[in-house]
Protein backbone atom coordinates (compact mmCIF):
# COMPACT_ATOMS: atom_id res chain seq x y z
CA MET A 1 20.45 -138.14 -153.44
CA SER A 2 19.22 -141.56 -152.50
CA GLU A 3 19.02 -143.06 -155.99
CA ALA A 4 21.72 -145.42 -157.25
CA LEU A 5 24.94 -143.93 -158.51
CA ARG A 6 25.64 -144.42 -162.22
CA ILE A 7 28.89 -143.68 -164.06
CA LEU A 8 28.37 -142.86 -167.74
CA PRO A 9 30.56 -141.83 -170.66
CA GLY A 10 30.44 -138.11 -171.42
CA THR A 11 30.89 -136.06 -174.58
CA VAL A 12 31.17 -132.41 -175.56
CA ALA A 13 27.35 -132.38 -175.48
CA ASP A 14 27.64 -132.69 -171.67
CA LEU A 15 29.82 -129.59 -171.34
CA ASN A 16 27.08 -127.46 -169.73
CA GLU A 17 26.58 -130.09 -167.02
CA VAL A 18 30.35 -130.25 -166.49
CA MET A 19 30.60 -126.46 -166.14
CA VAL A 20 27.72 -126.27 -163.62
CA THR A 21 29.30 -129.07 -161.58
CA MET A 22 32.70 -127.38 -161.73
CA ALA A 23 31.24 -124.06 -160.55
CA GLU A 24 29.68 -125.78 -157.54
CA ALA A 25 32.65 -128.01 -156.73
CA PHE A 26 35.67 -125.70 -156.95
CA ASP A 27 36.33 -122.89 -154.50
CA PRO A 28 36.98 -119.83 -156.71
CA ARG A 29 39.69 -118.51 -154.39
CA PHE A 30 42.09 -121.18 -155.71
CA GLY A 31 41.48 -120.68 -159.45
CA GLU A 32 41.50 -124.43 -160.17
CA ALA A 33 38.37 -124.63 -162.31
CA TRP A 34 38.82 -124.85 -166.06
CA THR A 35 36.97 -122.67 -168.52
CA ALA A 36 34.44 -124.08 -170.99
CA ALA A 37 36.91 -123.32 -173.80
CA GLN A 38 39.66 -125.30 -172.05
CA CYS A 39 37.33 -128.27 -171.56
CA ARG A 40 35.96 -128.13 -175.10
CA GLY A 41 39.49 -127.96 -176.51
CA MET A 42 40.65 -130.96 -174.50
CA LEU A 43 37.65 -133.15 -175.37
CA GLY A 44 38.91 -133.66 -178.91
CA THR A 45 42.33 -134.87 -177.78
CA PRO A 46 43.19 -138.48 -178.71
CA GLY A 47 43.34 -140.78 -175.70
CA LEU A 48 41.20 -138.46 -173.58
CA TRP A 49 37.83 -139.35 -172.05
CA LEU A 50 35.14 -137.82 -169.88
CA ILE A 51 32.91 -139.71 -167.47
CA LEU A 52 29.87 -138.43 -165.62
CA ALA A 53 28.44 -139.47 -162.27
CA ARG A 54 24.69 -139.30 -161.71
CA HIS A 55 22.48 -140.16 -158.78
CA GLY A 56 19.32 -141.08 -160.65
CA ASP A 57 18.93 -138.28 -163.17
CA GLU A 58 20.77 -135.73 -161.00
CA PRO A 59 24.32 -134.77 -162.04
CA ALA A 60 26.73 -135.61 -159.23
CA GLY A 61 30.23 -135.22 -160.67
CA PHE A 62 32.61 -135.85 -163.52
CA ALA A 63 36.19 -136.81 -164.27
CA LEU A 64 38.41 -136.10 -167.26
CA ALA A 65 41.49 -138.22 -167.97
CA ARG A 66 43.87 -139.29 -170.70
CA VAL A 67 46.26 -142.08 -171.55
CA VAL A 68 49.59 -141.46 -173.26
CA VAL A 69 51.51 -144.65 -174.05
CA ASP A 70 51.43 -146.56 -170.72
CA GLU A 71 50.67 -143.70 -168.33
CA ALA A 72 47.29 -142.17 -167.52
CA GLU A 73 46.61 -138.79 -166.00
CA LEU A 74 43.52 -137.78 -164.08
CA LEU A 75 43.28 -134.21 -165.35
CA LEU A 76 40.17 -133.01 -163.59
CA ILE A 77 37.64 -134.41 -161.17
CA ALA A 78 34.73 -132.64 -159.50
CA VAL A 79 31.92 -133.75 -157.22
CA ARG A 80 28.98 -131.51 -156.40
CA PRO A 81 28.76 -130.71 -152.68
CA SER A 82 25.35 -132.44 -152.49
CA ALA A 83 26.94 -135.67 -153.78
CA ARG A 84 29.96 -135.74 -151.47
CA ARG A 85 30.41 -138.49 -148.90
CA LEU A 86 28.19 -140.78 -150.99
CA GLY A 87 30.96 -142.67 -152.79
CA THR A 88 30.79 -140.45 -155.88
CA GLY A 89 34.47 -139.46 -155.91
CA SER A 90 35.61 -143.01 -155.21
CA ALA A 91 33.43 -144.35 -158.02
CA LEU A 92 34.81 -141.78 -160.47
CA VAL A 93 38.43 -142.52 -159.54
CA GLY A 94 37.78 -146.26 -159.73
CA GLU A 95 36.23 -146.00 -163.18
CA ILE A 96 39.07 -143.78 -164.43
CA ALA A 97 41.57 -146.39 -163.19
CA ARG A 98 39.59 -149.20 -164.85
CA ILE A 99 39.39 -147.40 -168.21
CA ALA A 100 43.04 -146.38 -168.04
CA ALA A 101 44.19 -149.96 -167.39
CA ALA A 102 41.94 -151.24 -170.19
CA ASN A 103 43.68 -148.77 -172.50
CA GLY A 104 47.17 -150.00 -171.62
CA ALA A 105 48.13 -147.66 -168.78
CA ARG A 106 50.29 -149.15 -166.06
CA ARG A 107 50.29 -146.05 -163.86
CA LEU A 108 47.75 -143.35 -163.01
CA MET A 109 48.99 -139.88 -162.11
CA LEU A 110 47.37 -136.66 -160.93
CA GLU A 111 48.37 -133.29 -159.60
CA MET A 112 46.60 -131.35 -156.87
CA ARG A 113 47.03 -128.22 -154.79
CA ASP A 114 48.57 -128.76 -151.36
CA GLY A 115 45.74 -128.57 -148.84
CA ASN A 116 43.10 -129.94 -151.22
CA PRO A 117 40.59 -131.90 -149.11
CA ALA A 118 40.41 -134.53 -151.90
CA ALA A 119 43.78 -135.80 -150.63
CA ARG A 120 41.86 -138.25 -148.39
CA LEU A 121 40.04 -139.66 -151.43
CA TYR A 122 43.28 -140.12 -153.36
CA SER A 123 45.06 -141.75 -150.43
CA ALA A 124 42.17 -144.20 -149.98
CA ALA A 125 42.39 -144.98 -153.73
CA GLY A 126 46.05 -146.00 -153.39
CA PHE A 127 47.78 -142.80 -154.55
CA ALA A 128 51.04 -141.70 -152.94
CA GLU A 129 52.99 -138.46 -153.26
CA ILE A 130 55.80 -138.76 -155.79
CA GLY A 131 56.70 -135.11 -156.31
CA ARG A 132 56.10 -131.51 -155.33
CA ARG A 133 56.37 -128.18 -157.13
CA PRO A 134 56.80 -125.41 -154.55
CA GLY A 135 54.62 -122.33 -155.12
CA TYR A 136 53.17 -123.68 -158.38
CA TYR A 137 49.58 -122.46 -157.91
CA THR A 138 48.58 -118.85 -157.31
CA GLY A 139 45.33 -118.18 -155.49
CA ARG A 140 42.94 -115.29 -156.01
CA GLU A 141 44.64 -113.29 -153.25
CA LYS A 142 48.08 -114.00 -154.82
CA GLU A 143 48.93 -116.59 -152.16
CA ARG A 144 51.10 -119.46 -153.39
CA PHE A 145 50.40 -123.18 -153.01
CA ASP A 146 52.56 -126.18 -153.78
CA ALA A 147 51.47 -128.62 -156.46
CA ILE A 148 51.64 -132.22 -155.29
CA THR A 149 52.07 -134.99 -157.85
CA LEU A 150 50.47 -138.28 -156.87
CA GLY A 151 50.70 -141.66 -158.54
CA ARG A 152 49.47 -145.22 -158.22
CA SER A 153 50.14 -148.44 -160.03
CA LEU A 154 47.44 -149.97 -162.22
CA ASP A 155 49.16 -153.36 -162.32
CA ASN A 156 46.89 -155.82 -160.61
C-alpha cells in the first residue's frame, strides 16, 4: 500500500466494504465486531457519520462516530492488517476529532477492551483513561475483560 492515504465520507452504500474490513481487523475471539444489521441501523442515526480510509483505491479502514450535544463518541474504528503502521488509524482518529469539533463537540470519548493493542494509537492521539467497567466484555471462551473509557479534549 504505497499510494497516498485518502479519508472519505462513507454511506450505507459502503457497508459491504465496512464489513469486509471489520472481518479482517477484529479478532473473533473477543466478539467486538458489529453485525451488518447493527451498522445499517446506526447509519441512519442523527449526528452519526462514517468515514473511510483508502490507500489509492484499496480499502484500508473506517471509523464510525457520533456527536450528541457537545460530546462526541468514537463508536467503532477498524484498520485492515495490511494498512497498519502506515498512519491509517491516526488519520482516521484525527479526522473524527476534526469533524466532531466542527459539529460542536468539546470532548471525544471512546470505549475499548482492556488489552486492545489500539491503546497505543489512542494514547498518541491524546486520549487518557477516565473510567473502567470491570468484566464488561465477554470473549468467545467466556473470559471476561474490562472496558476502559478514554477521553480527550477537542478544545484547541
